[in-house]
Structure formats: C-alpha cells, structure tokens
Amino acid sequence: LPPVVDIETLDGVSPLRMRLELSDFLT
C-alpha cells in the first residue's frame, strides 16, 4: 500500500507551519 503520514497534532506550531512541513514530507 502507499506510504502514510500520520498527522494528529500541531505540536505547538502554527497551522501554516504544520502544513508547510507536511507538504515537504509528502513531496
């Protein structure tokens, strides 16, 4: 199956920062 990234928390960062780092992971 395709690899999965599990995102459940902001860990204290902003939603924008979370999305930028998540996008880097996915790309």
PDB file of all heavy atoms in Angstrom:
ATOM      1  N   LEU A   1       0.845  -1.180   0.000  1.00  0.00           N
ATOM      2  CA  LEU A   1       0.000   0.000   0.000  1.00  0.00           C
ATOM      3  C   LEU A   1       0.888   1.240   0.000  1.00  0.00           C
ATOM      4  O   LEU A   1       2.054   1.179   0.422  1.00  0.00           O
ATOM      5  CB  LEU A   1      -0.902   0.011   1.232  1.00  0.00           C
ATOM      6  CG  LEU A   1      -2.122  -0.927   1.176  1.00  0.00           C
ATOM      7  CD1 LEU A   1      -2.694  -1.127   2.578  1.00  0.00           C
ATOM      8  CD2 LEU A   1      -3.182  -0.374   0.244  1.00  0.00           C
ATOM      9  N   PRO A   2       0.385   2.386  -0.457  1.00  0.00           N
ATOM     10  CA  PRO A   2       1.193   3.605  -0.440  1.00  0.00           C
ATOM     11  C   PRO A   2       1.643   3.959   0.977  1.00  0.00           C
ATOM     12  O   PRO A   2       0.969   3.612   1.953  1.00  0.00           O
ATOM     13  CB  PRO A   2       0.241   4.672  -0.988  1.00  0.00           C
ATOM     14  CG  PRO A   2      -0.767   3.918  -1.787  1.00  0.00           C
ATOM     15  CD  PRO A   2      -0.942   2.611  -1.074  1.00  0.00           C
ATOM     16  N   PRO A   3       2.779   4.636   1.124  1.00  0.00           N
ATOM     17  CA  PRO A   3       3.225   5.088   2.441  1.00  0.00           C
ATOM     18  C   PRO A   3       2.245   6.094   3.023  1.00  0.00           C
ATOM     19  O   PRO A   3       1.533   6.783   2.293  1.00  0.00           O
ATOM     20  CB  PRO A   3       4.591   5.726   2.158  1.00  0.00           C
ATOM     21  CG  PRO A   3       4.546   6.089   0.713  1.00  0.00           C
ATOM     22  CD  PRO A   3       3.687   5.061   0.044  1.00  0.00           C
ATOM     23  N   VAL A   4       2.231   6.169   4.350  1.00  0.00           N
ATOM     24  CA  VAL A   4       1.264   7.027   5.061  1.00  0.00           C
ATOM     25  C   VAL A   4       2.002   7.975   5.985  1.00  0.00           C
ATOM     26  O   VAL A   4       2.959   7.588   6.662  1.00  0.00           O
ATOM     27  CB  VAL A   4       0.283   6.173   5.885  1.00  0.00           C
ATOM     28  CG1 VAL A   4      -0.699   7.061   6.653  1.00  0.00           C
ATOM     29  CG2 VAL A   4      -0.476   5.200   4.993  1.00  0.00           C
ATOM     30  N   VAL A   5       1.518   9.218   6.053  1.00  0.00           N
ATOM     31  CA  VAL A   5       1.980  10.157   7.072  1.00  0.00           C
ATOM     32  C   VAL A   5       0.818  10.416   8.025  1.00  0.00           C
ATOM     33  O   VAL A   5      -0.283  10.759   7.605  1.00  0.00           O
ATOM     34  CB  VAL A   5       2.499  11.475   6.460  1.00  0.00           C
ATOM     35  CG1 VAL A   5       1.448  12.168   5.618  1.00  0.00           C
ATOM     36  CG2 VAL A   5       3.028  12.406   7.559  1.00  0.00           C
ATOM     37  N   ASP A   6       1.067  10.211   9.296  1.00  0.00           N
ATOM     38  CA  ASP A   6       0.068  10.336  10.357  1.00  0.00           C
ATOM     39  C   ASP A   6       0.246  11.697  11.023  1.00  0.00           C
ATOM     40  O   ASP A   6       1.224  11.933  11.736  1.00  0.00           O
ATOM     41  CB  ASP A   6       0.284   9.191  11.355  1.00  0.00           C
ATOM     42  CG  ASP A   6      -0.649   9.253  12.563  1.00  0.00           C
ATOM     43  OD1 ASP A   6      -1.304  10.286  12.768  1.00  0.00           O
ATOM     44  OD2 ASP A   6      -0.700   8.261  13.311  1.00  0.00           O
ATOM     45  N   ILE A   7      -0.705  12.610  10.798  1.00  0.00           N
ATOM     46  CA  ILE A   7      -0.641  13.944  11.382  1.00  0.00           C
ATOM     47  C   ILE A   7      -1.849  14.141  12.299  1.00  0.00           C
ATOM     48  O   ILE A   7      -2.988  14.107  11.834  1.00  0.00           O
ATOM     49  CB  ILE A   7      -0.568  15.040  10.289  1.00  0.00           C
ATOM     50  CG1 ILE A   7      -0.625  16.435  10.908  1.00  0.00           C
ATOM     51  CG2 ILE A   7      -1.640  14.854   9.236  1.00  0.00           C
ATOM     52  CD1 ILE A   7       0.578  16.821  11.709  1.00  0.00           C
ATOM     53  N   GLU A   8      -1.593  14.335  13.588  1.00  0.00           N
ATOM     54  CA  GLU A   8      -2.678  14.428  14.567  1.00  0.00           C
ATOM     55  C   GLU A   8      -2.578  15.645  15.468  1.00  0.00           C
ATOM     56  O   GLU A   8      -3.535  15.960  16.186  1.00  0.00           O
ATOM     57  CB  GLU A   8      -2.689  13.170  15.449  1.00  0.00           C
ATOM     58  CG  GLU A   8      -2.835  11.869  14.696  1.00  0.00           C
ATOM     59  CD  GLU A   8      -2.817  10.662  15.621  1.00  0.00           C
ATOM     60  OE1 GLU A   8      -3.263  10.797  16.783  1.00  0.00           O
ATOM     61  OE2 GLU A   8      -2.356   9.586  15.192  1.00  0.00           O
ATOM     62  N   THR A   9      -1.430  16.328  15.464  1.00  0.00           N
ATOM     63  CA  THR A   9      -1.221  17.423  16.411  1.00  0.00           C
ATOM     64  C   THR A   9      -0.394  18.543  15.781  1.00  0.00           C
ATOM     65  O   THR A   9       0.402  18.295  14.867  1.00  0.00           O
ATOM     66  CB  THR A   9      -0.494  16.891  17.665  1.00  0.00           C
ATOM     67  OG1 THR A   9      -0.217  17.974  18.549  1.00  0.00           O
ATOM     68  CG2 THR A   9       0.797  16.189  17.305  1.00  0.00           C
ATOM     69  N   LEU A  10      -0.588  19.756  16.299  1.00  0.00           N
ATOM     70  CA  LEU A  10       0.214  20.898  15.836  1.00  0.00           C
ATOM     71  C   LEU A  10       1.559  20.957  16.544  1.00  0.00           C
ATOM     72  O   LEU A  10       2.494  21.620  16.063  1.00  0.00           O
ATOM     73  CB  LEU A  10      -0.544  22.202  16.081  1.00  0.00           C
ATOM     74  CG  LEU A  10      -1.805  22.440  15.235  1.00  0.00           C
ATOM     75  CD1 LEU A  10      -2.496  23.741  15.680  1.00  0.00           C
ATOM     76  CD2 LEU A  10      -1.460  22.501  13.753  1.00  0.00           C
ATOM     77  N   ASP A  11       1.685  20.274  17.681  1.00  0.00           N
ATOM     78  CA  ASP A  11       2.932  20.296  18.454  1.00  0.00           C
ATOM     79  C   ASP A  11       3.382  21.718  18.794  1.00  0.00           C
ATOM     80  O   ASP A  11       4.587  22.010  18.862  1.00  0.00           O
ATOM     81  CB  ASP A  11       4.053  19.584  17.683  1.00  0.00           C
ATOM     82  CG  ASP A  11       4.101  18.092  18.014  1.00  0.00           C
ATOM     83  OD1 ASP A  11       3.308  17.646  18.868  1.00  0.00           O
ATOM     84  OD2 ASP A  11       4.920  17.381  17.411  1.00  0.00           O
ATOM     85  N   GLY A  12       2.418  22.626  18.940  1.00  0.00           N
ATOM     86  CA  GLY A  12       2.757  23.982  19.353  1.00  0.00           C
ATOM     87  C   GLY A  12       3.122  24.927  18.236  1.00  0.00           C
ATOM     88  O   GLY A  12       3.427  26.095  18.482  1.00  0.00           O
ATOM     89  N   VAL A  13       3.097  24.467  16.980  1.00  0.00           N
ATOM     90  CA  VAL A  13       3.407  25.366  15.856  1.00  0.00           C
ATOM     91  C   VAL A  13       2.101  25.843  15.227  1.00  0.00           C
ATOM     92  O   VAL A  13       1.022  25.324  15.501  1.00  0.00           O
ATOM     93  CB  VAL A  13       4.289  24.663  14.795  1.00  0.00           C
ATOM     94  CG1 VAL A  13       5.550  24.115  15.432  1.00  0.00           C
ATOM     95  CG2 VAL A  13       3.530  23.551  14.086  1.00  0.00           C
ATOM     96  N   SER A  14       2.195  26.820  14.352  1.00  0.00           N
ATOM     97  CA  SER A  14       1.009  27.355  13.692  1.00  0.00           C
ATOM     98  C   SER A  14       0.489  26.364  12.645  1.00  0.00           C
ATOM     99  O   SER A  14       1.261  25.550  12.122  1.00  0.00           O
ATOM    100  CB  SER A  14       1.328  28.677  13.018  1.00  0.00           C
ATOM    101  OG  SER A  14       2.202  28.461  11.917  1.00  0.00           O
ATOM    102  N   PRO A  15      -0.793  26.435  12.307  1.00  0.00           N
ATOM    103  CA  PRO A  15      -1.322  25.577  11.234  1.00  0.00           C
ATOM    104  C   PRO A  15      -0.567  25.760   9.923  1.00  0.00           C
ATOM    105  O   PRO A  15      -0.340  24.785   9.203  1.00  0.00           O
ATOM    106  CB  PRO A  15      -2.778  26.026  11.115  1.00  0.00           C
ATOM    107  CG  PRO A  15      -3.134  26.544  12.473  1.00  0.00           C
ATOM    108  CD  PRO A  15      -1.873  27.196  12.967  1.00  0.00           C
ATOM    109  N   LEU A  16      -0.156  26.983   9.611  1.00  0.00           N
ATOM    110  CA  LEU A  16       0.588  27.234   8.377  1.00  0.00           C
ATOM    111  C   LEU A  16       1.923  26.520   8.394  1.00  0.00           C
ATOM    112  O   LEU A  16       2.311  25.864   7.411  1.00  0.00           O
ATOM    113  CB  LEU A  16       0.792  28.739   8.192  1.00  0.00           C
ATOM    114  CG  LEU A  16       1.604  29.145   6.952  1.00  0.00           C
ATOM    115  CD1 LEU A  16       0.933  28.644   5.682  1.00  0.00           C
ATOM    116  CD2 LEU A  16       1.815  30.663   6.920  1.00  0.00           C
ATOM    117  N   ARG A  17       2.648  26.607   9.511  1.00  0.00           N
ATOM    118  CA  ARG A  17       3.947  25.918   9.629  1.00  0.00           C
ATOM    119  C   ARG A  17       3.752  24.403   9.518  1.00  0.00           C
ATOM    120  O   ARG A  17       4.535  23.704   8.858  1.00  0.00           O
ATOM    121  CB  ARG A  17       4.587  26.290  10.964  1.00  0.00           C
ATOM    122  CG  ARG A  17       5.777  25.436  11.367  1.00  0.00           C
ATOM    123  CD  ARG A  17       7.060  25.785  10.652  1.00  0.00           C
ATOM    124  NE  ARG A  17       8.120  24.873  11.001  1.00  0.00           N
ATOM    125  CZ  ARG A  17       8.858  24.946  12.110  1.00  0.00           C
ATOM    126  NH1 ARG A  17       8.632  25.912  13.000  1.00  0.00           N
ATOM    127  NH2 ARG A  17       9.820  24.076  12.330  1.00  0.00           N
ATOM    128  N   MET A  18       2.730  23.900  10.169  1.00  0.00           N
ATOM    129  CA  MET A  18       2.446  22.462  10.100  1.00  0.00           C
ATOM    130  C   MET A  18       2.242  22.038   8.655  1.00  0.00           C
ATOM    131  O   MET A  18       2.802  21.032   8.197  1.00  0.00           O
ATOM    132  CB  MET A  18       1.209  22.134  10.934  1.00  0.00           C
ATOM    133  CG  MET A  18       0.761  20.690  10.886  1.00  0.00           C
ATOM    134  SD  MET A  18      -0.383  20.319   9.502  1.00  0.00           S
ATOM    135  CE  MET A  18      -1.809  21.279   9.956  1.00  0.00           C
ATOM    136  N   ARG A  19       1.457  22.795   7.903  1.00  0.00           N
ATOM    137  CA  ARG A  19       1.156  22.429   6.516  1.00  0.00           C
ATOM    138  C   ARG A  19       2.394  22.516   5.628  1.00  0.00           C
ATOM    139  O   ARG A  19       2.581  21.700   4.718  1.00  0.00           O
ATOM    140  CB  ARG A  19       0.036  23.307   5.966  1.00  0.00           C
ATOM    141  CG  ARG A  19      -1.349  22.924   6.505  1.00  0.00           C
ATOM    142  CD  ARG A  19      -2.457  23.617   5.730  1.00  0.00           C
ATOM    143  NE  ARG A  19      -2.455  25.063   5.938  1.00  0.00           N
ATOM    144  CZ  ARG A  19      -3.163  25.691   6.882  1.00  0.00           C
ATOM    145  NH1 ARG A  19      -3.931  24.991   7.720  1.00  0.00           N
ATOM    146  NH2 ARG A  19      -3.108  27.005   6.997  1.00  0.00           N
ATOM    147  N   LEU A  20       3.272  23.484   5.878  1.00  0.00           N
ATOM    148  CA  LEU A  20       4.495  23.612   5.090  1.00  0.00           C
ATOM    149  C   LEU A  20       5.411  22.413   5.301  1.00  0.00           C
ATOM    150  O   LEU A  20       5.955  21.845   4.342  1.00  0.00           O
ATOM    151  CB  LEU A  20       5.223  24.907   5.446  1.00  0.00           C
ATOM    152  CG  LEU A  20       4.575  26.213   4.968  1.00  0.00           C
ATOM    153  CD1 LEU A  20       5.305  27.428   5.554  1.00  0.00           C
ATOM    154  CD2 LEU A  20       4.574  26.276   3.435  1.00  0.00           C
ATOM    155  N   GLU A  21       5.606  22.029   6.563  1.00  0.00           N
ATOM    156  CA  GLU A  21       6.467  20.881   6.856  1.00  0.00           C
ATOM    157  C   GLU A  21       5.844  19.583   6.337  1.00  0.00           C
ATOM    158  O   GLU A  21       6.554  18.719   5.791  1.00  0.00           O
ATOM    159  CB  GLU A  21       6.725  20.775   8.368  1.00  0.00           C
ATOM    160  CG  GLU A  21       7.431  21.964   8.985  1.00  0.00           C
ATOM    161  CD  GLU A  21       8.844  22.179   8.444  1.00  0.00           C
ATOM    162  OE1 GLU A  21       9.378  21.287   7.751  1.00  0.00           O
ATOM    163  OE2 GLU A  21       9.425  23.251   8.724  1.00  0.00           O
ATOM    164  N   LEU A  22       4.536  19.466   6.479  1.00  0.00           N
ATOM    165  CA  LEU A  22       3.837  18.276   5.983  1.00  0.00           C
ATOM    166  C   LEU A  22       3.955  18.171   4.467  1.00  0.00           C
ATOM    167  O   LEU A  22       4.185  17.090   3.915  1.00  0.00           O
ATOM    168  CB  LEU A  22       2.363  18.336   6.404  1.00  0.00           C
ATOM    169  CG  LEU A  22       1.473  17.162   5.990  1.00  0.00           C
ATOM    170  CD1 LEU A  22       1.981  15.855   6.590  1.00  0.00           C
ATOM    171  CD2 LEU A  22       0.020  17.414   6.409  1.00  0.00           C
ATOM    172  N   SER A  23       3.821  19.304   3.797  1.00  0.00           N
ATOM    173  CA  SER A  23       3.944  19.322   2.342  1.00  0.00           C
ATOM    174  C   SER A  23       5.347  18.904   1.908  1.00  0.00           C
ATOM    175  O   SER A  23       5.507  18.171   0.915  1.00  0.00           O
ATOM    176  CB  SER A  23       3.628  20.717   1.811  1.00  0.00           C
ATOM    177  OG  SER A  23       3.714  20.757   0.405  1.00  0.00           O
ATOM    178  N   ASP A  24       6.371  19.347   2.659  1.00  0.00           N
ATOM    179  CA  ASP A  24       7.748  18.945   2.343  1.00  0.00           C
ATOM    180  C   ASP A  24       7.914  17.428   2.474  1.00  0.00           C
ATOM    181  O   ASP A  24       8.588  16.783   1.650  1.00  0.00           O
ATOM    182  CB  ASP A  24       8.737  19.652   3.275  1.00  0.00           C
ATOM    183  CG  ASP A  24       8.936  21.126   2.918  1.00  0.00           C
ATOM    184  OD1 ASP A  24       8.490  21.530   1.822  1.00  0.00           O
ATOM    185  OD2 ASP A  24       9.521  21.853   3.741  1.00  0.00           O
ATOM    186  N   PHE A  25       7.331  16.865   3.503  1.00  0.00           N
ATOM    187  CA  PHE A  25       7.397  15.412   3.712  1.00  0.00           C
ATOM    188  C   PHE A  25       6.756  14.677   2.528  1.00  0.00           C
ATOM    189  O   PHE A  25       7.348  13.762   1.940  1.00  0.00           O
ATOM    190  CB  PHE A  25       6.685  15.044   5.014  1.00  0.00           C
ATOM    191  CG  PHE A  25       6.675  13.570   5.318  1.00  0.00           C
ATOM    192  CD1 PHE A  25       7.615  13.019   6.179  1.00  0.00           C
ATOM    193  CD2 PHE A  25       5.728  12.713   4.757  1.00  0.00           C
ATOM    194  CE1 PHE A  25       7.615  11.654   6.466  1.00  0.00           C
ATOM    195  CE2 PHE A  25       5.716  11.350   5.027  1.00  0.00           C
ATOM    196  CZ  PHE A  25       6.666  10.817   5.890  1.00  0.00           C
ATOM    197  N   LEU A  26       5.554  15.081   2.180  1.00  0.00           N
ATOM    198  CA  LEU A  26       4.806  14.416   1.114  1.00  0.00           C
ATOM    199  C   LEU A  26       5.527  14.513  -0.231  1.00  0.00           C
ATOM    200  O   LEU A  26       5.617  13.531  -0.990  1.00  0.00           O
ATOM    201  CB  LEU A  26       3.410  15.032   1.015  1.00  0.00           C
ATOM    202  CG  LEU A  26       2.487  14.805   2.217  1.00  0.00           C
ATOM    203  CD1 LEU A  26       1.305  15.768   2.178  1.00  0.00           C
ATOM    204  CD2 LEU A  26       1.995  13.370   2.261  1.00  0.00           C
ATOM    205  N   THR A  27       6.052  15.698  -0.518  1.00  0.00           N
ATOM    206  CA  THR A  27       6.727  15.919  -1.798  1.00  0.00           C
ATOM    207  C   THR A  27       7.972  15.053  -1.930  1.00  0.00           C
ATOM    208  O   THR A  27       8.223  14.445  -2.983  1.00  0.00           O
ATOM    209  CB  THR A  27       7.102  17.407  -1.944  1.00  0.00           C
ATOM    210  OG1 THR A  27       5.914  18.195  -1.871  1.00  0.00           O
ATOM    211  CG2 THR A  27       7.810  17.659  -3.270  1.00  0.00           C
TER     212      THR A  27
END
